[in-house]
Amino acid sequence: MHSDQTHPLQRYWNLAAAPVQAAALDAALEFGVFDRLHEPASAAEVADALGLRPAQTASLLDMLWSLDLLQRIDGMPARYVCQPQARLHFCQGQPGYCADAWRYRRRALAHFGDQMRALLSAEGPAPDPYVQTNAQGWADAARVQIGQEQRAIAVAAAREAVRCVPGAAQARRILDLGGGPGLIGIDLVRSNPAARGVVFDWPETAAVAQENIAQAGLSDRMSVLGGDLARDPIGQGYDLIWCSSVLHFVPDAAAALRKMRDALAPGGLLLMAHAEIPADAAAAARVLAFYMPMQLLGRRVTRQGELRRMLLDAGYADVRGFDSAAFPMAPLHVLTARKDELAARQ
């Protein structure tokens, strides 16, 4: 007898099996499987080209086919070719290439998974969530993995968010706050010939942004500031501050929001994109899988509506928001808020 119903445990069995799927994709990226499948090829041909075992390679290709990354052309033997999304994001030289970024995220999440028991246990010292212990590592990630994510995904998502906010695209003085490689700020300035911009991040990471600014030919209109948002000045007189996933990393979010408000020109706009935990369980699952590690480290991940209240408490006016699934990993809540011109004069 056949049934469309699954066992109540199937969802959790799938969780147990998910690391096998992730490991298969990771191995395919490490060996360059997708780069060998621009044109149809058999498992034996792929194995011969990459120095792999043919039978095991056939199993790997079937797994990638089951993940909708490859098309399988049945025959004797079966042949495989990249699906468009695999070609765009996992084949070198493509504009959306982010294989290194995907592997970086997978390893980070797996690392936190391995640490979960220790982070939950009351034994031993609690982690200090806001101490920067690997500034150079963060800069290296900005140069490669985070840079790939911004180029492939986040720049377009930010551009769409700006397009949805009246007046944001006309901003003439822009701050990309916690901008990492600075590619979002670069895109915002490049799209408006009258605009000038600043990228703020840790000094080591700001140096990476400076490289990207020079490569973009915008050194005459953009600069960088290196520092700690909690302690150092971020500049003044901005028409637009773009801020994405920054408040997770500062010890006093309310103070950081006031600092951003003070840095805006009268009538200036703060546009921020951050993950919040939704009230709906299914929606929350999409966020918590990526942000529970931050929570376990003691970093701030707000619940739905908290950021809006924090903005109002910090003195912002005209606070509005919308959800966006266009950013990497989990959906983010995009909030806009203005520095009230009248209050700024008082």
C-alpha atoms as a PDB file:
ATOM      1  CA  MET A   1       0.000   0.000   0.000  1.00  0.00           C
ATOM      2  CA  HIS A   2       1.329   3.427  -0.961  1.00  0.00           C
ATOM      3  CA  SER A   3       0.757   6.611   1.006  1.00  0.00           C
ATOM      4  CA  ASP A   4       1.683  10.226   0.450  1.00  0.00           C
ATOM      5  CA  GLN A   5       2.033  10.687   4.204  1.00  0.00           C
ATOM      6  CA  THR A   6       5.489  10.683   5.764  1.00  0.00           C
ATOM      7  CA  HIS A   7       6.449   9.548   9.222  1.00  0.00           C
ATOM      8  CA  PRO A   8       6.461  12.359  11.817  1.00  0.00           C
ATOM      9  CA  LEU A   9      10.186  11.739  12.301  1.00  0.00           C
ATOM     10  CA  GLN A  10      11.019  12.232   8.615  1.00  0.00           C
ATOM     11  CA  ARG A  11      11.651  15.934   9.062  1.00  0.00           C
ATOM     12  CA  TYR A  12      14.237  15.172  11.730  1.00  0.00           C
ATOM     13  CA  TRP A  13      15.804  12.298   9.818  1.00  0.00           C
ATOM     14  CA  ASN A  14      16.262  14.813   7.007  1.00  0.00           C
ATOM     15  CA  LEU A  15      18.120  17.072   9.446  1.00  0.00           C
ATOM     16  CA  ALA A  16      20.459  14.206  10.299  1.00  0.00           C
ATOM     17  CA  ALA A  17      21.130  13.584   6.594  1.00  0.00           C
ATOM     18  CA  ALA A  18      21.596  17.231   5.585  1.00  0.00           C
ATOM     19  CA  PRO A  19      25.330  17.259   6.503  1.00  0.00           C
ATOM     20  CA  VAL A  20      25.893  14.499   3.921  1.00  0.00           C
ATOM     21  CA  GLN A  21      24.352  16.674   1.213  1.00  0.00           C
ATOM     22  CA  ALA A  22      26.425  19.649   2.331  1.00  0.00           C
ATOM     23  CA  ALA A  23      29.599  17.546   2.380  1.00  0.00           C
ATOM     24  CA  ALA A  24      28.876  16.345  -1.156  1.00  0.00           C
ATOM     25  CA  LEU A  25      28.545  19.907  -2.439  1.00  0.00           C
ATOM     26  CA  ASP A  26      31.668  20.938  -0.536  1.00  0.00           C
ATOM     27  CA  ALA A  27      33.649  18.092  -2.096  1.00  0.00           C
ATOM     28  CA  ALA A  28      32.348  18.952  -5.560  1.00  0.00           C
ATOM     29  CA  LEU A  29      33.518  22.543  -5.111  1.00  0.00           C
ATOM     30  CA  GLU A  30      36.896  21.477  -3.749  1.00  0.00           C
ATOM     31  CA  PHE A  31      37.557  19.165  -6.703  1.00  0.00           C
ATOM     32  CA  GLY A  32      36.177  21.579  -9.328  1.00  0.00           C
ATOM     33  CA  VAL A  33      33.433  19.227 -10.492  1.00  0.00           C
ATOM     34  CA  PHE A  34      31.182  21.963 -11.838  1.00  0.00           C
ATOM     35  CA  ASP A  35      33.983  23.489 -13.901  1.00  0.00           C
ATOM     36  CA  ARG A  36      34.244  20.130 -15.712  1.00  0.00           C
ATOM     37  CA  LEU A  37      30.542  20.013 -16.505  1.00  0.00           C
ATOM     38  CA  HIS A  38      29.969  23.021 -18.724  1.00  0.00           C
ATOM     39  CA  GLU A  39      29.331  20.354 -21.365  1.00  0.00           C
ATOM     40  CA  PRO A  40      27.758  16.931 -20.733  1.00  0.00           C
ATOM     41  CA  ALA A  41      30.168  14.289 -19.462  1.00  0.00           C
ATOM     42  CA  SER A  42      29.957  10.862 -17.854  1.00  0.00           C
ATOM     43  CA  ALA A  43      31.067  10.061 -14.337  1.00  0.00           C
ATOM     44  CA  ALA A  44      34.047   8.150 -15.748  1.00  0.00           C
ATOM     45  CA  GLU A  45      35.116  11.174 -17.785  1.00  0.00           C
ATOM     46  CA  VAL A  46      34.816  13.502 -14.793  1.00  0.00           C
ATOM     47  CA  ALA A  47      36.701  11.056 -12.581  1.00  0.00           C
ATOM     48  CA  ASP A  48      39.498  10.676 -15.131  1.00  0.00           C
ATOM     49  CA  ALA A  49      39.863  14.445 -15.524  1.00  0.00           C
ATOM     50  CA  LEU A  50      39.957  15.095 -11.759  1.00  0.00           C
ATOM     51  CA  GLY A  51      41.825  12.028 -10.517  1.00  0.00           C
ATOM     52  CA  LEU A  52      38.837  10.548  -8.682  1.00  0.00           C
ATOM     53  CA  ARG A  53      37.378   7.048  -8.338  1.00  0.00           C
ATOM     54  CA  PRO A  54      34.776   6.468 -11.094  1.00  0.00           C
ATOM     55  CA  ALA A  55      32.143   4.563  -9.077  1.00  0.00           C
ATOM     56  CA  GLN A  56      32.271   7.003  -6.162  1.00  0.00           C
ATOM     57  CA  THR A  57      32.195   9.932  -8.586  1.00  0.00           C
ATOM     58  CA  ALA A  58      28.989   8.537 -10.082  1.00  0.00           C
ATOM     59  CA  SER A  59      27.435   8.575  -6.600  1.00  0.00           C
ATOM     60  CA  LEU A  60      28.583  12.169  -6.062  1.00  0.00           C
ATOM     61  CA  LEU A  61      27.102  13.278  -9.391  1.00  0.00           C
ATOM     62  CA  ASP A  62      23.800  11.602  -8.569  1.00  0.00           C
ATOM     63  CA  MET A  63      23.712  13.462  -5.251  1.00  0.00           C
ATOM     64  CA  LEU A  64      24.332  16.769  -7.049  1.00  0.00           C
ATOM     65  CA  TRP A  65      21.611  15.838  -9.535  1.00  0.00           C
ATOM     66  CA  SER A  66      19.212  15.206  -6.625  1.00  0.00           C
ATOM     67  CA  LEU A  67      20.054  18.689  -5.295  1.00  0.00           C
ATOM     68  CA  ASP A  68      19.079  20.221  -8.662  1.00  0.00           C
ATOM     69  CA  LEU A  69      22.652  21.323  -9.315  1.00  0.00           C
ATOM     70  CA  LEU A  70      23.175  18.978 -12.271  1.00  0.00           C
ATOM     71  CA  GLN A  71      20.982  17.751 -15.083  1.00  0.00           C
ATOM     72  CA  ARG A  72      21.261  14.005 -15.694  1.00  0.00           C
ATOM     73  CA  ILE A  73      20.930  12.788 -19.255  1.00  0.00           C
ATOM     74  CA  ASP A  74      19.996   9.115 -19.061  1.00  0.00           C
ATOM     75  CA  GLY A  75      21.854   6.707 -21.300  1.00  0.00           C
ATOM     76  CA  MET A  76      24.625   4.134 -21.251  1.00  0.00           C
ATOM     77  CA  PRO A  77      26.412   5.691 -19.547  1.00  0.00           C
ATOM     78  CA  ALA A  78      24.450   8.567 -17.993  1.00  0.00           C
ATOM     79  CA  ARG A  79      25.897  12.007 -18.603  1.00  0.00           C
ATOM     80  CA  TYR A  80      25.702  15.120 -16.448  1.00  0.00           C
ATOM     81  CA  VAL A  81      25.784  18.857 -17.092  1.00  0.00           C
ATOM     82  CA  CYS A  82      25.475  21.930 -14.862  1.00  0.00           C
ATOM     83  CA  GLN A  83      22.096  23.420 -14.140  1.00  0.00           C
ATOM     84  CA  PRO A  84      22.016  27.205 -14.704  1.00  0.00           C
ATOM     85  CA  GLN A  85      22.189  28.048 -10.986  1.00  0.00           C
ATOM     86  CA  ALA A  86      25.236  25.814 -10.517  1.00  0.00           C
ATOM     87  CA  ARG A  87      26.935  27.374 -13.531  1.00  0.00           C
ATOM     88  CA  LEU A  88      26.235  30.914 -12.275  1.00  0.00           C
ATOM     89  CA  HIS A  89      27.308  30.469  -8.668  1.00  0.00           C
ATOM     90  CA  PHE A  90      29.722  27.525  -8.605  1.00  0.00           C
ATOM     91  CA  CYS A  91      31.701  27.759 -11.862  1.00  0.00           C
ATOM     92  CA  GLN A  92      34.800  29.936 -11.750  1.00  0.00           C
ATOM     93  CA  GLY A  93      34.807  33.091 -13.827  1.00  0.00           C
ATOM     94  CA  GLN A  94      31.039  33.601 -13.644  1.00  0.00           C
ATOM     95  CA  PRO A  95      29.706  36.951 -12.362  1.00  0.00           C
ATOM     96  CA  GLY A  96      27.734  35.291  -9.573  1.00  0.00           C
ATOM     97  CA  TYR A  97      30.558  33.001  -8.413  1.00  0.00           C
ATOM     98  CA  CYS A  98      30.424  32.434  -4.656  1.00  0.00           C
ATOM     99  CA  ALA A  99      31.755  28.930  -4.067  1.00  0.00           C
ATOM    100  CA  ASP A 100      34.326  30.140  -1.550  1.00  0.00           C
ATOM    101  CA  ALA A 101      31.619  32.093   0.269  1.00  0.00           C
ATOM    102  CA  TRP A 102      29.382  29.029   0.483  1.00  0.00           C
ATOM    103  CA  ARG A 103      32.195  26.869   1.836  1.00  0.00           C
ATOM    104  CA  TYR A 104      33.100  29.595   4.354  1.00  0.00           C
ATOM    105  CA  ARG A 105      29.530  29.718   5.672  1.00  0.00           C
ATOM    106  CA  ARG A 106      29.269  25.934   5.830  1.00  0.00           C
ATOM    107  CA  ARG A 107      32.454  25.634   7.863  1.00  0.00           C
ATOM    108  CA  ALA A 108      31.476  28.443  10.228  1.00  0.00           C
ATOM    109  CA  LEU A 109      28.067  26.894  10.901  1.00  0.00           C
ATOM    110  CA  ALA A 110      29.563  23.426  11.344  1.00  0.00           C
ATOM    111  CA  HIS A 111      32.123  24.864  13.772  1.00  0.00           C
ATOM    112  CA  PHE A 112      29.382  26.382  15.919  1.00  0.00           C
ATOM    113  CA  GLY A 113      27.450  23.142  15.756  1.00  0.00           C
ATOM    114  CA  ASP A 114      30.470  21.331  17.167  1.00  0.00           C
ATOM    115  CA  GLN A 115      30.709  23.946  19.931  1.00  0.00           C
ATOM    116  CA  MET A 116      27.046  23.832  20.916  1.00  0.00           C
ATOM    117  CA  ARG A 117      27.377  21.557  23.928  1.00  0.00           C
ATOM    118  CA  ALA A 118      30.206  23.660  25.342  1.00  0.00           C
ATOM    119  CA  LEU A 119      28.341  26.913  24.726  1.00  0.00           C
ATOM    120  CA  LEU A 120      25.214  25.603  26.440  1.00  0.00           C
ATOM    121  CA  SER A 121      26.988  24.093  29.417  1.00  0.00           C
ATOM    122  CA  ALA A 122      27.284  26.172  32.586  1.00  0.00           C
ATOM    123  CA  GLU A 123      30.781  24.807  33.109  1.00  0.00           C
ATOM    124  CA  GLY A 124      33.766  26.935  32.122  1.00  0.00           C
ATOM    125  CA  PRO A 125      33.948  30.653  31.313  1.00  0.00           C
ATOM    126  CA  ALA A 126      31.236  32.265  29.209  1.00  0.00           C
ATOM    127  CA  PRO A 127      32.355  33.687  25.846  1.00  0.00           C
ATOM    128  CA  ASP A 128      32.891  37.427  25.534  1.00  0.00           C
ATOM    129  CA  PRO A 129      30.596  38.207  22.599  1.00  0.00           C
ATOM    130  CA  TYR A 130      31.950  41.608  21.607  1.00  0.00           C
ATOM    131  CA  VAL A 131      35.733  41.209  21.713  1.00  0.00           C
ATOM    132  CA  GLN A 132      37.358  41.347  18.288  1.00  0.00           C
ATOM    133  CA  THR A 133      39.868  38.504  18.381  1.00  0.00           C
ATOM    134  CA  ASN A 134      40.550  37.904  14.694  1.00  0.00           C
ATOM    135  CA  ALA A 135      40.650  41.221  12.875  1.00  0.00           C
ATOM    136  CA  GLN A 136      42.948  39.946  10.146  1.00  0.00           C
ATOM    137  CA  GLY A 137      40.801  36.862   9.604  1.00  0.00           C
ATOM    138  CA  TRP A 138      37.741  39.063   9.149  1.00  0.00           C
ATOM    139  CA  ALA A 139      39.670  41.206   6.657  1.00  0.00           C
ATOM    140  CA  ASP A 140      40.745  38.104   4.731  1.00  0.00           C
ATOM    141  CA  ALA A 141      37.123  36.945   4.588  1.00  0.00           C
ATOM    142  CA  ALA A 142      36.074  40.398   3.361  1.00  0.00           C
ATOM    143  CA  ARG A 143      38.627  40.175   0.566  1.00  0.00           C
ATOM    144  CA  VAL A 144      37.455  36.765  -0.666  1.00  0.00           C
ATOM    145  CA  GLN A 145      34.338  35.107   0.742  1.00  0.00           C
ATOM    146  CA  ILE A 146      32.285  38.105   1.893  1.00  0.00           C
ATOM    147  CA  GLY A 147      33.371  39.947  -1.229  1.00  0.00           C
ATOM    148  CA  GLN A 148      31.948  37.116  -3.313  1.00  0.00           C
ATOM    149  CA  GLU A 149      28.639  37.244  -1.442  1.00  0.00           C
ATOM    150  CA  GLN A 150      28.370  40.985  -1.868  1.00  0.00           C
ATOM    151  CA  ARG A 151      29.150  40.836  -5.592  1.00  0.00           C
ATOM    152  CA  ALA A 152      26.858  37.899  -6.274  1.00  0.00           C
ATOM    153  CA  ILE A 153      23.901  38.729  -4.025  1.00  0.00           C
ATOM    154  CA  ALA A 154      24.028  41.543  -1.475  1.00  0.00           C
ATOM    155  CA  VAL A 155      24.780  44.438  -3.840  1.00  0.00           C
ATOM    156  CA  ALA A 156      21.657  43.732  -5.892  1.00  0.00           C
ATOM    157  CA  ALA A 157      19.581  43.241  -2.723  1.00  0.00           C
ATOM    158  CA  ALA A 158      20.764  46.562  -1.290  1.00  0.00           C
ATOM    159  CA  ARG A 159      20.164  48.320  -4.601  1.00  0.00           C
ATOM    160  CA  GLU A 160      16.572  47.045  -4.601  1.00  0.00           C
ATOM    161  CA  ALA A 161      16.078  48.127  -0.980  1.00  0.00           C
ATOM    162  CA  VAL A 162      17.326  51.628  -1.797  1.00  0.00           C
ATOM    163  CA  ARG A 163      15.044  51.770  -4.830  1.00  0.00           C
ATOM    164  CA  CYS A 164      12.051  51.066  -2.560  1.00  0.00           C
ATOM    165  CA  VAL A 165      12.757  54.037  -0.277  1.00  0.00           C
ATOM    166  CA  PRO A 166      11.754  57.465  -1.621  1.00  0.00           C
ATOM    167  CA  GLY A 167      14.723  59.814  -1.870  1.00  0.00           C
ATOM    168  CA  ALA A 168      17.385  57.262  -0.926  1.00  0.00           C
ATOM    169  CA  ALA A 169      18.804  56.965  -4.442  1.00  0.00           C
ATOM    170  CA  GLN A 170      19.377  60.738  -4.540  1.00  0.00           C
ATOM    171  CA  ALA A 171      21.577  60.832  -1.424  1.00  0.00           C
ATOM    172  CA  ARG A 172      24.772  62.780  -2.053  1.00  0.00           C
ATOM    173  CA  ARG A 173      26.815  61.846   1.020  1.00  0.00           C
ATOM    174  CA  ILE A 174      26.704  58.136   1.884  1.00  0.00           C
ATOM    175  CA  LEU A 175      28.144  56.010   4.698  1.00  0.00           C
ATOM    176  CA  ASP A 176      28.473  52.249   4.246  1.00  0.00           C
ATOM    177  CA  LEU A 177      28.680  51.367   7.942  1.00  0.00           C
ATOM    178  CA  GLY A 178      30.336  48.051   8.754  1.00  0.00           C
ATOM    179  CA  GLY A 179      30.640  47.676   5.009  1.00  0.00           C
ATOM    180  CA  GLY A 180      33.295  44.959   4.887  1.00  0.00           C
ATOM    181  CA  PRO A 181      34.723  44.988   1.360  1.00  0.00           C
ATOM    182  CA  GLY A 182      32.650  48.102   0.655  1.00  0.00           C
ATOM    183  CA  LEU A 183      31.002  46.856  -2.516  1.00  0.00           C
ATOM    184  CA  ILE A 184      27.522  48.027  -1.494  1.00  0.00           C
ATOM    185  CA  GLY A 185      28.796  51.551  -0.810  1.00  0.00           C
ATOM    186  CA  ILE A 186      30.703  51.488  -4.092  1.00  0.00           C
ATOM    187  CA  ASP A 187      27.541  50.526  -5.968  1.00  0.00           C
ATOM    188  CA  LEU A 188      25.496  53.266  -4.279  1.00  0.00           C
ATOM    189  CA  VAL A 189      28.074  55.946  -5.106  1.00  0.00           C
ATOM    190  CA  ARG A 190      28.651  54.706  -8.646  1.00  0.00           C
ATOM    191  CA  SER A 191      24.914  54.856  -9.386  1.00  0.00           C
ATOM    192  CA  ASN A 192      24.782  58.594  -8.526  1.00  0.00           C
ATOM    193  CA  PRO A 193      27.451  60.796 -10.168  1.00  0.00           C
ATOM    194  CA  ALA A 194      26.824  63.523  -7.562  1.00  0.00           C
ATOM    195  CA  ALA A 195      27.359  61.193  -4.593  1.00  0.00           C
ATOM    196  CA  ARG A 196      30.396  60.794  -2.364  1.00  0.00           C
ATOM    197  CA  GLY A 197      30.870  57.968   0.090  1.00  0.00           C
ATOM    198  CA  VAL A 198      32.700  56.560   3.092  1.00  0.00           C
ATOM    199  CA  VAL A 199      33.137  52.927   4.136  1.00  0.00           C
ATOM    200  CA  PHE A 200      33.584  52.306   7.875  1.00  0.00           C
ATOM    201  CA  ASP A 201      34.858  49.042   9.337  1.00  0.00           C
ATOM    202  CA  TRP A 202      37.693  47.606  11.397  1.00  0.00           C
ATOM    203  CA  PRO A 203      41.001  49.095  10.149  1.00  0.00           C
ATOM    204  CA  GLU A 204      42.183  45.839   8.566  1.00  0.00           C
ATOM    205  CA  THR A 205      38.874  45.430   6.746  1.00  0.00           C
ATOM    206  CA  ALA A 206      38.702  49.096   5.754  1.00  0.00           C
ATOM    207  CA  ALA A 207      42.009  48.550   3.947  1.00  0.00           C
ATOM    208  CA  VAL A 208      40.284  45.895   1.820  1.00  0.00           C
ATOM    209  CA  ALA A 209      37.485  48.361   1.030  1.00  0.00           C
ATOM    210  CA  GLN A 210      40.112  50.915   0.011  1.00  0.00           C
ATOM    211  CA  GLU A 211      41.534  48.406  -2.487  1.00  0.00           C
ATOM    212  CA  ASN A 212      38.076  47.859  -3.974  1.00  0.00           C
ATOM    213  CA  ILE A 213      37.422  51.605  -4.167  1.00  0.00           C
ATOM    214  CA  ALA A 214      40.656  52.078  -6.092  1.00  0.00           C
ATOM    215  CA  GLN A 215      39.840  49.168  -8.390  1.00  0.00           C
ATOM    216  CA  ALA A 216      36.412  50.711  -9.070  1.00  0.00           C
ATOM    217  CA  GLY A 217      38.064  54.017 -10.033  1.00  0.00           C
ATOM    218  CA  LEU A 218      36.248  55.911  -7.272  1.00  0.00           C
ATOM    219  CA  SER A 219      39.166  57.117  -5.145  1.00  0.00           C
ATOM    220  CA  ASP A 220      38.241  60.713  -5.922  1.00  0.00           C
ATOM    221  CA  ARG A 221      34.718  60.251  -4.522  1.00  0.00           C
ATOM    222  CA  MET A 222      35.131  57.636  -1.783  1.00  0.00           C
ATOM    223  CA  SER A 223      37.281  57.103   1.297  1.00  0.00           C
ATOM    224  CA  VAL A 224      37.449  54.732   4.248  1.00  0.00           C
ATOM    225  CA  LEU A 225      37.420  55.089   8.018  1.00  0.00           C
ATOM    226  CA  GLY A 226      38.921  52.356  10.160  1.00  0.00           C
ATOM    227  CA  GLY A 227      37.772  51.950  13.727  1.00  0.00           C
ATOM    228  CA  ASP A 228      35.443  50.442  16.288  1.00  0.00           C
ATOM    229  CA  LEU A 229      31.814  51.578  16.012  1.00  0.00           C
ATOM    230  CA  ALA A 230      31.461  51.417  19.793  1.00  0.00           C
ATOM    231  CA  ARG A 231      34.348  53.836  20.413  1.00  0.00           C
ATOM    232  CA  ASP A 232      35.441  55.727  17.304  1.00  0.00           C
ATOM    233  CA  PRO A 233      33.896  58.566  15.261  1.00  0.00           C
ATOM    234  CA  ILE A 234      32.123  57.625  12.040  1.00  0.00           C
ATOM    235  CA  GLY A 235      31.898  61.064  10.404  1.00  0.00           C
ATOM    236  CA  GLN A 236      29.106  63.608  10.105  1.00  0.00           C
ATOM    237  CA  GLY A 237      26.595  65.084   7.703  1.00  0.00           C
ATOM    238  CA  TYR A 238      25.499  61.955   5.847  1.00  0.00           C
ATOM    239  CA  ASP A 239      22.352  61.971   3.726  1.00  0.00           C
ATOM    240  CA  LEU A 240      22.209  58.166   3.824  1.00  0.00           C
ATOM    241  CA  ILE A 241      23.705  55.556   6.144  1.00  0.00           C
ATOM    242  CA  TRP A 242      23.540  51.962   4.910  1.00  0.00           C
ATOM    243  CA  CYS A 243      23.943  49.457   7.749  1.00  0.00           C
ATOM    244  CA  SER A 244      23.582  45.692   7.301  1.00  0.00           C
ATOM    245  CA  SER A 245      23.920  43.076  10.077  1.00  0.00           C
ATOM    246  CA  VAL A 246      26.056  45.404  12.201  1.00  0.00           C
ATOM    247  CA  LEU A 247      24.073  45.566  15.450  1.00  0.00           C
ATOM    248  CA  HIS A 248      24.815  41.908  16.187  1.00  0.00           C
ATOM    249  CA  PHE A 249      28.425  42.912  16.876  1.00  0.00           C
ATOM    250  CA  VAL A 250      28.172  45.993  19.126  1.00  0.00           C
ATOM    251  CA  PRO A 251      27.780  45.817  22.920  1.00  0.00           C
ATOM    252  CA  ASP A 252      25.316  48.729  23.118  1.00  0.00           C
ATOM    253  CA  ALA A 253      22.963  48.791  20.149  1.00  0.00           C
ATOM    254  CA  ALA A 254      20.991  51.763  21.479  1.00  0.00           C
ATOM    255  CA  ALA A 255      24.172  53.846  21.710  1.00  0.00           C
ATOM    256  CA  ALA A 256      25.171  52.775  18.207  1.00  0.00           C
ATOM    257  CA  LEU A 257      21.796  53.862  16.822  1.00  0.00           C
ATOM    258  CA  ARG A 258      22.110  57.246  18.530  1.00  0.00           C
ATOM    259  CA  LYS A 259      25.595  57.592  17.068  1.00  0.00           C
ATOM    260  CA  MET A 260      24.243  56.904  13.593  1.00  0.00           C
ATOM    261  CA  ARG A 261      21.468  59.426  14.137  1.00  0.00           C
ATOM    262  CA  ASP A 262      23.972  62.082  15.202  1.00  0.00           C
ATOM    263  CA  ALA A 263      26.037  61.341  12.075  1.00  0.00           C
ATOM    264  CA  LEU A 264      23.087  62.043   9.765  1.00  0.00           C
ATOM    265  CA  ALA A 265      22.398  65.441   8.290  1.00  0.00           C
ATOM    266  CA  PRO A 266      18.984  66.911   9.200  1.00  0.00           C
ATOM    267  CA  GLY A 267      16.426  64.901   7.261  1.00  0.00           C
ATOM    268  CA  GLY A 268      19.034  62.212   6.566  1.00  0.00           C
ATOM    269  CA  LEU A 269      18.033  58.595   6.171  1.00  0.00           C
ATOM    270  CA  LEU A 270      19.189  55.438   7.953  1.00  0.00           C
ATOM    271  CA  LEU A 271      18.593  52.301   5.905  1.00  0.00           C
ATOM    272  CA  MET A 272      19.406  49.110   7.767  1.00  0.00           C
ATOM    273  CA  ALA A 273      18.952  45.408   7.028  1.00  0.00           C
ATOM    274  CA  HIS A 274      19.107  42.961   9.930  1.00  0.00           C
ATOM    275  CA  ALA A 275      17.773  39.529  10.772  1.00  0.00           C
ATOM    276  CA  GLU A 276      15.031  39.453  13.380  1.00  0.00           C
ATOM    277  CA  ILE A 277      13.361  36.354  14.774  1.00  0.00           C
ATOM    278  CA  PRO A 278       9.782  36.230  13.427  1.00  0.00           C
ATOM    279  CA  ALA A 279       6.815  35.332  15.607  1.00  0.00           C
ATOM    280  CA  ASP A 280       5.820  32.495  13.232  1.00  0.00           C
ATOM    281  CA  ALA A 281       7.672  29.219  13.887  1.00  0.00           C
ATOM    282  CA  ALA A 282       8.186  28.280  10.231  1.00  0.00           C
ATOM    283  CA  ALA A 283       9.536  31.746   9.413  1.00  0.00           C
ATOM    284  CA  ALA A 284      11.706  31.695  12.538  1.00  0.00           C
ATOM    285  CA  ALA A 285      13.265  28.407  11.435  1.00  0.00           C
ATOM    286  CA  ARG A 286      14.693  30.142   8.358  1.00  0.00           C
ATOM    287  CA  VAL A 287      16.457  32.683  10.590  1.00  0.00           C
ATOM    288  CA  LEU A 288      17.460  30.666  13.649  1.00  0.00           C
ATOM    289  CA  ALA A 289      19.393  28.052  11.681  1.00  0.00           C
ATOM    290  CA  PHE A 290      21.843  30.803  10.706  1.00  0.00           C
ATOM    291  CA  TYR A 291      21.673  33.090  13.748  1.00  0.00           C
ATOM    292  CA  MET A 292      21.467  30.715  16.724  1.00  0.00           C
ATOM    293  CA  PRO A 293      25.303  30.565  16.761  1.00  0.00           C
ATOM    294  CA  MET A 294      25.356  34.317  17.405  1.00  0.00           C
ATOM    295  CA  GLN A 295      22.829  33.911  20.190  1.00  0.00           C
ATOM    296  CA  LEU A 296      24.912  31.194  21.826  1.00  0.00           C
ATOM    297  CA  LEU A 297      27.919  33.500  21.751  1.00  0.00           C
ATOM    298  CA  GLY A 298      25.817  36.101  23.575  1.00  0.00           C
ATOM    299  CA  ARG A 299      25.397  38.426  20.621  1.00  0.00           C
ATOM    300  CA  ARG A 300      22.187  40.303  19.979  1.00  0.00           C
ATOM    301  CA  VAL A 301      19.594  38.861  17.622  1.00  0.00           C
ATOM    302  CA  THR A 302      16.378  40.796  18.118  1.00  0.00           C
ATOM    303  CA  ARG A 303      12.844  39.514  17.897  1.00  0.00           C
ATOM    304  CA  GLN A 304      10.293  40.832  15.451  1.00  0.00           C
ATOM    305  CA  GLY A 305       9.531  44.487  16.127  1.00  0.00           C
ATOM    306  CA  GLU A 306      12.392  45.158  18.551  1.00  0.00           C
ATOM    307  CA  LEU A 307      14.553  47.090  16.092  1.00  0.00           C
ATOM    308  CA  ARG A 308      11.655  49.348  15.194  1.00  0.00           C
ATOM    309  CA  ARG A 309      11.110  50.174  18.858  1.00  0.00           C
ATOM    310  CA  MET A 310      14.825  50.789  19.338  1.00  0.00           C
ATOM    311  CA  LEU A 311      14.862  53.249  16.430  1.00  0.00           C
ATOM    312  CA  LEU A 312      11.908  55.158  17.848  1.00  0.00           C
ATOM    313  CA  ASP A 313      13.525  55.204  21.292  1.00  0.00           C
ATOM    314  CA  ALA A 314      16.721  56.569  19.712  1.00  0.00           C
ATOM    315  CA  GLY A 315      14.792  59.566  18.357  1.00  0.00           C
ATOM    316  CA  TYR A 316      14.310  58.602  14.722  1.00  0.00           C
ATOM    317  CA  ALA A 317      11.201  59.636  12.841  1.00  0.00           C
ATOM    318  CA  ASP A 318       9.168  58.019  10.046  1.00  0.00           C
ATOM    319  CA  VAL A 319      10.292  54.478  10.904  1.00  0.00           C
ATOM    320  CA  ARG A 320       9.105  51.926   8.351  1.00  0.00           C
ATOM    321  CA  GLY A 321      10.041  48.369   7.439  1.00  0.00           C
ATOM    322  CA  PHE A 322       9.657  45.490   5.036  1.00  0.00           C
ATOM    323  CA  ASP A 323      11.017  41.948   4.762  1.00  0.00           C
ATOM    324  CA  SER A 324      13.485  40.903   2.076  1.00  0.00           C
ATOM    325  CA  ALA A 325      14.543  37.398   1.090  1.00  0.00           C
ATOM    326  CA  ALA A 326      17.072  38.744  -1.421  1.00  0.00           C
ATOM    327  CA  PHE A 327      20.055  38.857   0.960  1.00  0.00           C
ATOM    328  CA  PRO A 328      22.447  35.950   1.577  1.00  0.00           C
ATOM    329  CA  MET A 329      21.378  33.124   3.896  1.00  0.00           C
ATOM    330  CA  ALA A 330      18.320  34.169   5.926  1.00  0.00           C
ATOM    331  CA  PRO A 331      15.609  36.748   5.178  1.00  0.00           C
ATOM    332  CA  LEU A 332      16.381  40.178   6.630  1.00  0.00           C
ATOM    333  CA  HIS A 333      14.082  42.904   7.884  1.00  0.00           C
ATOM    334  CA  VAL A 334      14.816  46.201   6.161  1.00  0.00           C
ATOM    335  CA  LEU A 335      14.082  49.310   8.208  1.00  0.00           C
ATOM    336  CA  THR A 336      14.183  52.953   7.183  1.00  0.00           C
ATOM    337  CA  ALA A 337      14.223  55.882   9.576  1.00  0.00           C
ATOM    338  CA  ARG A 338      14.878  59.608   9.262  1.00  0.00           C
ATOM    339  CA  LYS A 339      16.597  62.145  11.407  1.00  0.00           C
ATOM    340  CA  ASP A 340      13.830  64.611  12.144  1.00  0.00           C
ATOM    341  CA  GLU A 341      14.797  68.028  10.763  1.00  0.00           C
ATOM    342  CA  LEU A 342      12.948  69.968  13.468  1.00  0.00           C
ATOM    343  CA  ALA A 343      14.390  67.879  16.313  1.00  0.00           C
ATOM    344  CA  ALA A 344      17.874  68.273  14.812  1.00  0.00           C
ATOM    345  CA  ARG A 345      17.589  72.086  15.111  1.00  0.00           C
ATOM    346  CA  GLN A 346      16.520  71.973  18.756  1.00  0.00           C
END
